[in-house]
């Protein structure tokens, strides 16, 4: 049985009530480097996005899920499948735990494991990939823990504070 519920968390589709939560994440400049964002998002644009969040992954080419705690049902992060390519059976994956007090507690691991299982079992994907900044030690550890392998380095790929940084390309092939 495919499930998006783990021991401590569950993953759910975004709801209109998530407007302020998504707004806060999208406008938190500390996440812009990992999300490839360059400008703030208005509530209007996020509201439009949430109104279209009902589209399935085949239509939207993306699936964004809220990471929620089982106990409180509070949304504490987001996990995305993006650049969904059914023809070539692949998608990118990325996640953010926005709630600082929820970090380093295995929540990212649990969310990534649920999405990997969903991607390979339900979506029948052949591979997942991730783009990770070369200095993002936590993400590097997380993705390698699940068998993602570094297959390339994009030199000077990300410009942060007028300085270029490398981005690493990781793949997990079923």
N, C-alpha and C. Protein backbone atom coordinates (compact mmCIF):
# COMPACT_ATOMS: atom_id res chain seq x y z
N UNK A 1 0.85 -1.19 0.00
CA UNK A 1 0.00 0.00 0.00
C UNK A 1 0.89 1.25 0.00
N UNK A 2 0.55 2.20 -0.84
CA UNK A 2 1.26 3.47 -0.92
C UNK A 2 0.66 4.41 0.12
N UNK A 3 1.52 5.01 0.91
CA UNK A 3 1.02 5.97 1.90
C UNK A 3 1.98 7.15 1.99
N UNK A 4 1.44 8.28 2.29
CA UNK A 4 2.26 9.47 2.49
C UNK A 4 2.22 9.87 3.96
N UNK A 5 2.15 8.85 4.82
CA UNK A 5 2.15 9.05 6.26
C UNK A 5 3.30 8.27 6.85
N UNK A 6 4.09 8.95 7.65
CA UNK A 6 5.22 8.32 8.31
C UNK A 6 4.98 8.21 9.80
N UNK A 7 6.03 7.91 10.52
CA UNK A 7 5.97 7.76 11.97
C UNK A 7 5.66 9.08 12.65
N UNK A 8 6.34 10.15 12.23
CA UNK A 8 6.20 11.44 12.89
C UNK A 8 5.53 12.51 12.04
N UNK A 9 5.45 12.28 10.74
CA UNK A 9 4.92 13.29 9.83
C UNK A 9 3.99 12.65 8.81
N UNK A 10 3.28 13.51 8.10
CA UNK A 10 2.55 13.09 6.91
C UNK A 10 2.69 14.20 5.88
N UNK A 11 2.50 13.83 4.63
CA UNK A 11 2.56 14.79 3.52
C UNK A 11 1.15 14.96 2.98
N UNK A 12 0.80 16.20 2.72
CA UNK A 12 -0.55 16.46 2.19
C UNK A 12 -0.48 17.54 1.12
N UNK A 13 -1.52 17.55 0.30
CA UNK A 13 -1.65 18.57 -0.73
C UNK A 13 -1.82 19.93 -0.07
N UNK A 14 -1.44 20.96 -0.80
CA UNK A 14 -1.62 22.32 -0.29
C UNK A 14 -3.09 22.70 -0.32
N UNK A 15 -3.48 23.50 0.65
CA UNK A 15 -4.86 23.97 0.79
C UNK A 15 -4.87 25.50 0.73
N UNK A 16 -6.02 26.11 0.45
CA UNK A 16 -6.10 27.58 0.47
C UNK A 16 -5.67 28.17 1.81
N UNK A 17 -5.88 27.42 2.89
CA UNK A 17 -5.51 27.89 4.22
C UNK A 17 -4.00 27.98 4.42
N UNK A 18 -3.22 27.43 3.48
CA UNK A 18 -1.76 27.46 3.57
C UNK A 18 -1.17 28.76 3.02
N UNK A 19 -2.01 29.72 2.65
CA UNK A 19 -1.53 30.95 2.03
C UNK A 19 -0.42 31.61 2.83
N UNK A 20 -0.64 31.88 4.10
CA UNK A 20 0.37 32.60 4.90
C UNK A 20 1.63 31.76 5.10
N UNK A 21 1.48 30.46 5.24
CA UNK A 21 2.62 29.57 5.40
C UNK A 21 3.50 29.58 4.15
N UNK A 22 2.89 29.41 2.99
CA UNK A 22 3.63 29.41 1.73
C UNK A 22 4.22 30.80 1.47
N UNK A 23 3.44 31.83 1.76
CA UNK A 23 3.92 33.21 1.59
C UNK A 23 5.19 33.45 2.42
N UNK A 24 5.18 32.99 3.65
CA UNK A 24 6.34 33.17 4.53
C UNK A 24 7.57 32.44 3.99
N UNK A 25 7.39 31.23 3.49
CA UNK A 25 8.52 30.47 2.94
C UNK A 25 9.05 31.13 1.68
N UNK A 26 8.15 31.45 0.76
CA UNK A 26 8.57 32.01 -0.53
C UNK A 26 9.24 33.38 -0.38
N UNK A 27 8.94 34.09 0.69
CA UNK A 27 9.51 35.42 0.89
C UNK A 27 10.62 35.45 1.94
N UNK A 28 11.05 34.29 2.38
CA UNK A 28 12.17 34.19 3.31
C UNK A 28 13.45 34.14 2.49
N UNK A 29 14.20 35.22 2.47
CA UNK A 29 15.39 35.31 1.62
C UNK A 29 16.43 34.23 1.92
N UNK A 30 16.42 33.68 3.13
CA UNK A 30 17.40 32.63 3.44
C UNK A 30 17.13 31.35 2.65
N UNK A 31 15.93 31.20 2.09
CA UNK A 31 15.61 30.02 1.27
C UNK A 31 15.81 30.28 -0.22
N UNK A 32 16.01 31.51 -0.61
CA UNK A 32 16.06 31.84 -2.04
C UNK A 32 17.18 31.13 -2.76
N UNK A 33 18.31 30.95 -2.11
CA UNK A 33 19.44 30.30 -2.76
C UNK A 33 19.08 28.86 -3.16
N UNK A 34 18.40 28.13 -2.28
CA UNK A 34 18.08 26.74 -2.58
C UNK A 34 16.85 26.59 -3.46
N UNK A 35 16.01 27.63 -3.51
CA UNK A 35 14.80 27.53 -4.33
C UNK A 35 14.92 28.26 -5.66
N UNK A 36 16.08 28.84 -5.91
CA UNK A 36 16.34 29.56 -7.16
C UNK A 36 15.36 30.72 -7.34
N UNK A 37 15.00 31.35 -6.22
CA UNK A 37 14.10 32.51 -6.23
C UNK A 37 14.93 33.78 -6.23
N UNK A 38 14.44 34.79 -6.92
CA UNK A 38 15.19 36.05 -6.97
C UNK A 38 14.38 37.25 -6.50
N UNK A 39 13.07 37.09 -6.45
CA UNK A 39 12.23 38.21 -6.05
C UNK A 39 11.13 37.72 -5.11
N UNK A 40 10.58 38.62 -4.31
CA UNK A 40 9.46 38.24 -3.43
C UNK A 40 8.21 37.88 -4.23
N UNK A 41 7.34 37.12 -3.60
CA UNK A 41 6.05 36.77 -4.18
C UNK A 41 4.95 37.48 -3.42
N UNK A 42 3.95 37.96 -4.13
CA UNK A 42 2.81 38.61 -3.48
C UNK A 42 1.82 37.55 -3.00
N UNK A 43 1.00 37.94 -2.05
CA UNK A 43 -0.08 37.04 -1.61
C UNK A 43 -1.01 36.72 -2.77
N UNK A 44 -1.22 37.70 -3.64
CA UNK A 44 -2.08 37.50 -4.81
C UNK A 44 -1.56 36.34 -5.67
N UNK A 45 -0.26 36.36 -5.98
CA UNK A 45 0.31 35.29 -6.81
C UNK A 45 0.27 33.94 -6.11
N UNK A 46 0.53 33.93 -4.82
CA UNK A 46 0.49 32.66 -4.09
C UNK A 46 -0.95 32.15 -3.99
N UNK A 47 -1.90 33.06 -3.83
CA UNK A 47 -3.31 32.65 -3.81
C UNK A 47 -3.69 32.01 -5.15
N UNK A 48 -3.24 32.62 -6.26
CA UNK A 48 -3.50 32.03 -7.58
C UNK A 48 -2.86 30.65 -7.70
N UNK A 49 -1.62 30.53 -7.22
CA UNK A 49 -0.93 29.25 -7.25
C UNK A 49 -1.73 28.20 -6.47
N UNK A 50 -2.17 28.56 -5.27
CA UNK A 50 -2.93 27.62 -4.44
C UNK A 50 -4.27 27.25 -5.08
N UNK A 51 -4.87 28.19 -5.79
CA UNK A 51 -6.13 27.89 -6.48
C UNK A 51 -5.93 26.87 -7.59
N UNK A 52 -4.72 26.80 -8.14
CA UNK A 52 -4.41 25.83 -9.19
C UNK A 52 -3.69 24.59 -8.67
N UNK A 53 -3.52 24.51 -7.36
CA UNK A 53 -2.79 23.39 -6.77
C UNK A 53 -3.54 22.07 -6.91
N UNK A 54 -4.80 22.13 -7.34
CA UNK A 54 -5.58 20.91 -7.54
C UNK A 54 -5.13 20.14 -8.79
N UNK A 55 -4.37 20.81 -9.66
CA UNK A 55 -3.91 20.12 -10.88
C UNK A 55 -3.02 18.94 -10.49
N UNK A 56 -3.19 17.83 -11.20
CA UNK A 56 -2.33 16.71 -10.87
C UNK A 56 -0.95 16.91 -11.47
N UNK A 57 -0.02 16.08 -11.07
CA UNK A 57 1.37 16.23 -11.47
C UNK A 57 1.56 16.11 -12.98
N UNK A 58 0.69 15.37 -13.64
CA UNK A 58 0.81 15.23 -15.10
C UNK A 58 0.45 16.52 -15.82
N UNK A 59 -0.43 17.30 -15.22
CA UNK A 59 -0.84 18.57 -15.81
C UNK A 59 0.10 19.71 -15.42
N UNK A 60 0.44 19.78 -14.13
CA UNK A 60 1.24 20.88 -13.62
C UNK A 60 2.74 20.65 -13.76
N UNK A 61 3.15 19.39 -13.94
CA UNK A 61 4.57 19.00 -14.01
C UNK A 61 5.28 19.26 -12.69
N UNK A 62 4.51 19.43 -11.62
CA UNK A 62 5.04 19.68 -10.30
C UNK A 62 4.06 19.16 -9.26
N UNK A 63 4.59 18.72 -8.13
CA UNK A 63 3.76 18.33 -7.00
C UNK A 63 4.42 18.90 -5.76
N UNK A 64 3.74 19.82 -5.11
CA UNK A 64 4.25 20.42 -3.87
C UNK A 64 3.36 19.94 -2.74
N UNK A 65 3.99 19.39 -1.71
CA UNK A 65 3.26 18.86 -0.57
C UNK A 65 3.73 19.53 0.71
N UNK A 66 2.79 19.75 1.62
CA UNK A 66 3.13 20.28 2.93
C UNK A 66 3.61 19.12 3.80
N UNK A 67 4.68 19.36 4.54
CA UNK A 67 5.18 18.40 5.53
C UNK A 67 4.54 18.79 6.85
N UNK A 68 3.74 17.89 7.42
CA UNK A 68 2.98 18.19 8.63
C UNK A 68 3.32 17.21 9.75
N UNK A 69 3.32 17.70 10.97
CA UNK A 69 3.54 16.85 12.13
C UNK A 69 2.29 16.04 12.43
N UNK A 70 2.46 14.75 12.71
CA UNK A 70 1.31 13.91 13.03
C UNK A 70 0.57 14.40 14.27
N UNK A 71 1.32 14.80 15.29
CA UNK A 71 0.70 15.18 16.57
C UNK A 71 -0.14 16.44 16.46
N UNK A 72 0.46 17.52 15.97
CA UNK A 72 -0.23 18.82 15.96
C UNK A 72 -0.90 19.14 14.63
N UNK A 73 -0.58 18.39 13.59
CA UNK A 73 -1.04 18.63 12.21
C UNK A 73 -0.53 19.95 11.66
N UNK A 74 0.47 20.53 12.32
CA UNK A 74 1.06 21.79 11.90
C UNK A 74 1.96 21.57 10.68
N UNK A 75 1.84 22.43 9.67
CA UNK A 75 2.73 22.40 8.52
C UNK A 75 4.05 23.04 8.92
N UNK A 76 5.16 22.31 8.68
CA UNK A 76 6.47 22.81 9.10
C UNK A 76 7.45 22.92 7.93
N UNK A 77 7.03 22.44 6.75
CA UNK A 77 7.92 22.51 5.60
C UNK A 77 7.19 22.12 4.34
N UNK A 78 7.96 22.11 3.25
CA UNK A 78 7.43 21.74 1.94
C UNK A 78 8.40 20.77 1.28
N UNK A 79 7.85 19.85 0.50
CA UNK A 79 8.66 18.98 -0.33
C UNK A 79 8.05 18.99 -1.72
N UNK A 80 8.91 19.11 -2.71
CA UNK A 80 8.45 19.26 -4.10
C UNK A 80 9.02 18.18 -5.00
N UNK A 81 8.19 17.73 -5.91
CA UNK A 81 8.65 17.05 -7.11
C UNK A 81 8.46 18.09 -8.21
N UNK A 82 9.50 18.37 -8.97
CA UNK A 82 9.42 19.41 -9.99
C UNK A 82 10.03 18.88 -11.29
N UNK A 83 9.83 19.61 -12.37
CA UNK A 83 10.29 19.19 -13.69
C UNK A 83 9.90 17.74 -13.98
N UNK A 84 8.67 17.40 -13.57
CA UNK A 84 8.16 16.04 -13.78
C UNK A 84 8.15 15.74 -15.26
N UNK A 85 8.80 14.66 -15.64
CA UNK A 85 8.95 14.27 -17.05
C UNK A 85 8.51 12.82 -17.20
N UNK A 86 7.20 12.60 -17.44
CA UNK A 86 6.71 11.22 -17.53
C UNK A 86 7.30 10.44 -18.70
N UNK A 87 7.62 11.11 -19.79
CA UNK A 87 8.20 10.41 -20.95
C UNK A 87 9.52 9.76 -20.57
N UNK A 88 10.35 10.48 -19.83
CA UNK A 88 11.65 9.95 -19.44
C UNK A 88 11.67 9.43 -18.01
N UNK A 89 10.51 9.36 -17.37
CA UNK A 89 10.33 8.78 -16.04
C UNK A 89 11.27 9.37 -15.00
N UNK A 90 11.26 10.71 -14.90
CA UNK A 90 12.12 11.35 -13.90
C UNK A 90 11.48 12.63 -13.38
N UNK A 91 12.01 13.07 -12.24
CA UNK A 91 11.59 14.33 -11.63
C UNK A 91 12.69 14.80 -10.70
N UNK A 92 12.72 16.12 -10.48
CA UNK A 92 13.59 16.68 -9.47
C UNK A 92 12.89 16.66 -8.14
N UNK A 93 13.66 16.68 -7.08
CA UNK A 93 13.09 16.71 -5.73
C UNK A 93 13.85 17.73 -4.89
N UNK A 94 13.08 18.47 -4.08
CA UNK A 94 13.67 19.43 -3.17
C UNK A 94 12.78 19.59 -1.95
N UNK A 95 13.38 19.96 -0.84
CA UNK A 95 12.58 20.14 0.36
C UNK A 95 13.15 21.23 1.23
N UNK A 96 12.29 21.78 2.06
CA UNK A 96 12.69 22.79 3.04
C UNK A 96 11.89 22.55 4.31
N UNK A 97 12.60 22.55 5.43
CA UNK A 97 11.95 22.53 6.74
C UNK A 97 12.02 23.97 7.23
N UNK A 98 10.90 24.66 7.20
CA UNK A 98 10.87 26.09 7.52
C UNK A 98 10.95 26.33 9.03
N UNK A 99 10.35 25.45 9.81
CA UNK A 99 10.33 25.61 11.25
C UNK A 99 11.68 25.19 11.83
N UNK A 100 12.45 26.16 12.30
CA UNK A 100 13.80 25.89 12.79
C UNK A 100 13.83 24.87 13.92
N UNK A 101 12.83 24.88 14.79
CA UNK A 101 12.81 23.94 15.92
C UNK A 101 12.54 22.50 15.47
N UNK A 102 12.12 22.32 14.23
CA UNK A 102 11.84 20.98 13.71
C UNK A 102 13.01 20.40 12.92
N UNK A 103 14.08 21.16 12.79
CA UNK A 103 15.24 20.68 12.04
C UNK A 103 16.09 19.75 12.90
N UNK A 104 16.85 18.91 12.23
CA UNK A 104 17.76 17.96 12.88
C UNK A 104 17.02 16.97 13.79
N UNK A 105 15.80 16.60 13.38
CA UNK A 105 15.01 15.64 14.13
C UNK A 105 14.56 14.48 13.26
N UNK A 106 15.13 14.36 12.07
CA UNK A 106 14.79 13.26 11.17
C UNK A 106 13.57 13.51 10.31
N UNK A 107 13.00 14.70 10.38
CA UNK A 107 11.78 15.00 9.62
C UNK A 107 12.07 15.06 8.13
N UNK A 108 13.17 15.70 7.75
CA UNK A 108 13.56 15.74 6.34
C UNK A 108 13.79 14.34 5.80
N UNK A 109 14.41 13.48 6.59
CA UNK A 109 14.64 12.09 6.17
C UNK A 109 13.32 11.37 5.94
N UNK A 110 12.42 11.54 6.88
CA UNK A 110 11.12 10.88 6.77
C UNK A 110 10.35 11.37 5.55
N UNK A 111 10.36 12.69 5.32
CA UNK A 111 9.65 13.27 4.17
C UNK A 111 10.28 12.79 2.86
N UNK A 112 11.61 12.80 2.78
CA UNK A 112 12.27 12.36 1.55
C UNK A 112 12.00 10.89 1.28
N UNK A 113 12.03 10.07 2.31
CA UNK A 113 11.75 8.64 2.13
C UNK A 113 10.33 8.42 1.60
N UNK A 114 9.37 9.15 2.14
CA UNK A 114 7.98 9.03 1.66
C UNK A 114 7.87 9.43 0.20
N UNK A 115 8.54 10.50 -0.21
CA UNK A 115 8.47 10.96 -1.59
C UNK A 115 9.22 10.02 -2.53
N UNK A 116 10.32 9.47 -2.10
CA UNK A 116 11.04 8.50 -2.93
C UNK A 116 10.15 7.29 -3.18
N UNK A 117 9.56 6.76 -2.12
CA UNK A 117 8.68 5.59 -2.27
C UNK A 117 7.49 5.91 -3.17
N UNK A 118 6.88 7.06 -2.97
CA UNK A 118 5.75 7.48 -3.80
C UNK A 118 6.17 7.61 -5.27
N UNK A 119 7.32 8.22 -5.49
CA UNK A 119 7.79 8.44 -6.86
C UNK A 119 8.06 7.14 -7.60
N UNK A 120 8.70 6.20 -6.93
CA UNK A 120 9.05 4.94 -7.59
C UNK A 120 7.88 3.97 -7.66
N UNK A 121 7.04 3.95 -6.64
CA UNK A 121 5.94 2.98 -6.61
C UNK A 121 4.69 3.51 -7.32
N UNK A 122 4.23 4.69 -6.94
CA UNK A 122 2.98 5.21 -7.48
C UNK A 122 3.15 5.84 -8.86
N UNK A 123 4.18 6.69 -8.99
CA UNK A 123 4.39 7.39 -10.26
C UNK A 123 5.22 6.57 -11.25
N UNK A 124 5.77 5.46 -10.78
CA UNK A 124 6.57 4.57 -11.62
C UNK A 124 7.76 5.29 -12.27
N UNK A 125 8.38 6.21 -11.51
CA UNK A 125 9.54 6.91 -12.05
C UNK A 125 10.76 5.99 -12.05
N UNK A 126 11.66 6.27 -12.94
CA UNK A 126 12.92 5.54 -13.05
C UNK A 126 14.02 6.23 -12.24
N UNK A 127 13.91 7.57 -12.13
CA UNK A 127 14.94 8.28 -11.39
C UNK A 127 14.44 9.60 -10.82
N UNK A 128 15.12 10.00 -9.76
CA UNK A 128 14.93 11.31 -9.14
C UNK A 128 16.27 12.01 -9.18
N UNK A 129 16.24 13.33 -9.20
CA UNK A 129 17.49 14.08 -9.14
C UNK A 129 17.33 15.25 -8.19
N UNK A 130 18.47 15.76 -7.73
CA UNK A 130 18.49 16.91 -6.83
C UNK A 130 19.66 17.80 -7.20
N UNK A 131 19.44 19.09 -7.10
CA UNK A 131 20.48 20.10 -7.28
C UNK A 131 20.79 20.66 -5.90
N UNK A 132 22.05 20.50 -5.45
CA UNK A 132 22.39 20.88 -4.08
C UNK A 132 23.64 21.75 -4.10
N UNK A 133 23.57 22.88 -3.42
CA UNK A 133 24.74 23.74 -3.29
C UNK A 133 25.88 22.99 -2.63
N UNK A 134 27.09 23.22 -3.13
CA UNK A 134 28.24 22.45 -2.65
C UNK A 134 28.53 22.69 -1.17
N UNK A 135 28.01 23.77 -0.60
CA UNK A 135 28.25 24.04 0.82
C UNK A 135 27.05 23.69 1.70
N UNK A 136 26.03 23.06 1.14
CA UNK A 136 24.83 22.69 1.89
C UNK A 136 25.02 21.29 2.49
N UNK A 137 25.80 21.23 3.56
CA UNK A 137 26.19 19.95 4.18
C UNK A 137 24.99 19.11 4.62
N UNK A 138 23.98 19.75 5.18
CA UNK A 138 22.82 18.99 5.68
C UNK A 138 22.11 18.28 4.53
N UNK A 139 21.89 18.99 3.41
CA UNK A 139 21.23 18.37 2.26
C UNK A 139 22.12 17.31 1.63
N UNK A 140 23.41 17.56 1.56
CA UNK A 140 24.33 16.56 0.99
C UNK A 140 24.25 15.27 1.80
N UNK A 141 24.25 15.37 3.12
CA UNK A 141 24.14 14.18 3.97
C UNK A 141 22.80 13.49 3.80
N UNK A 142 21.73 14.29 3.74
CA UNK A 142 20.39 13.73 3.62
C UNK A 142 20.23 12.94 2.33
N UNK A 143 20.59 13.53 1.21
CA UNK A 143 20.36 12.85 -0.07
C UNK A 143 21.29 11.65 -0.25
N UNK A 144 22.53 11.74 0.20
CA UNK A 144 23.43 10.58 0.07
C UNK A 144 22.98 9.45 0.98
N UNK A 145 22.36 9.78 2.10
CA UNK A 145 21.82 8.76 3.01
C UNK A 145 20.83 7.84 2.29
N UNK A 146 20.10 8.41 1.32
CA UNK A 146 19.09 7.64 0.59
C UNK A 146 19.60 7.11 -0.75
N UNK A 147 20.91 7.15 -0.94
CA UNK A 147 21.49 6.54 -2.13
C UNK A 147 21.65 7.45 -3.33
N UNK A 148 21.32 8.72 -3.20
CA UNK A 148 21.58 9.65 -4.30
C UNK A 148 23.09 9.73 -4.51
N UNK A 149 23.50 9.69 -5.76
CA UNK A 149 24.92 9.75 -6.08
C UNK A 149 25.24 11.04 -6.81
N UNK A 150 26.38 11.62 -6.43
CA UNK A 150 26.83 12.83 -7.12
C UNK A 150 27.34 12.43 -8.49
N UNK A 151 26.74 13.02 -9.52
CA UNK A 151 27.15 12.66 -10.88
C UNK A 151 27.74 13.84 -11.64
N UNK A 152 27.72 15.02 -11.02
CA UNK A 152 28.30 16.15 -11.71
C UNK A 152 28.39 17.38 -10.83
N UNK A 153 29.22 18.29 -11.27
CA UNK A 153 29.40 19.58 -10.60
C UNK A 153 29.14 20.67 -11.63
N UNK A 154 28.24 21.57 -11.27
CA UNK A 154 27.99 22.75 -12.10
C UNK A 154 28.84 23.87 -11.52
N UNK A 155 29.93 24.17 -12.17
CA UNK A 155 30.90 25.15 -11.68
C UNK A 155 30.31 26.57 -11.72
N UNK A 156 30.54 27.31 -10.64
CA UNK A 156 30.10 28.71 -10.54
C UNK A 156 28.64 28.89 -10.98
N UNK A 157 27.78 28.01 -10.55
CA UNK A 157 26.40 27.92 -11.03
C UNK A 157 25.47 28.90 -10.32
N UNK A 158 25.73 29.17 -9.04
CA UNK A 158 24.82 29.99 -8.24
C UNK A 158 25.56 31.25 -7.80
N UNK A 159 24.94 32.40 -8.06
CA UNK A 159 25.54 33.66 -7.64
C UNK A 159 24.85 34.12 -6.36
N UNK A 160 25.63 34.23 -5.30
CA UNK A 160 25.12 34.65 -4.00
C UNK A 160 26.03 35.75 -3.47
N UNK A 161 25.44 36.89 -3.21
CA UNK A 161 26.21 38.04 -2.69
C UNK A 161 27.43 38.33 -3.57
N UNK A 162 27.21 38.39 -4.87
CA UNK A 162 28.27 38.70 -5.84
C UNK A 162 29.41 37.70 -5.84
N UNK A 163 29.14 36.49 -5.36
CA UNK A 163 30.12 35.41 -5.36
C UNK A 163 29.48 34.18 -6.00
N UNK A 164 30.23 33.48 -6.81
CA UNK A 164 29.70 32.28 -7.47
C UNK A 164 30.04 31.04 -6.65
N UNK A 165 29.06 30.13 -6.63
CA UNK A 165 29.23 28.87 -5.91
C UNK A 165 28.89 27.71 -6.83
N UNK A 166 29.50 26.58 -6.55
CA UNK A 166 29.20 25.37 -7.31
C UNK A 166 27.89 24.76 -6.84
N UNK A 167 27.21 24.10 -7.77
CA UNK A 167 26.03 23.32 -7.44
C UNK A 167 26.30 21.88 -7.87
N UNK A 168 25.95 20.94 -7.01
CA UNK A 168 26.18 19.53 -7.30
C UNK A 168 24.89 18.90 -7.82
N UNK A 169 25.05 17.99 -8.76
CA UNK A 169 23.92 17.30 -9.36
C UNK A 169 23.92 15.86 -8.88
N UNK A 170 22.83 15.45 -8.23
CA UNK A 170 22.70 14.11 -7.65
C UNK A 170 21.56 13.36 -8.34
N UNK A 171 21.74 12.05 -8.49
CA UNK A 171 20.69 11.19 -9.07
C UNK A 171 20.47 9.97 -8.18
N UNK A 172 19.24 9.53 -8.17
CA UNK A 172 18.86 8.25 -7.57
C UNK A 172 18.12 7.48 -8.65
N UNK A 173 18.71 6.38 -9.10
CA UNK A 173 18.11 5.58 -10.16
C UNK A 173 17.55 4.31 -9.53
N UNK A 174 16.31 4.02 -9.86
CA UNK A 174 15.62 2.85 -9.28
C UNK A 174 16.29 1.58 -9.72
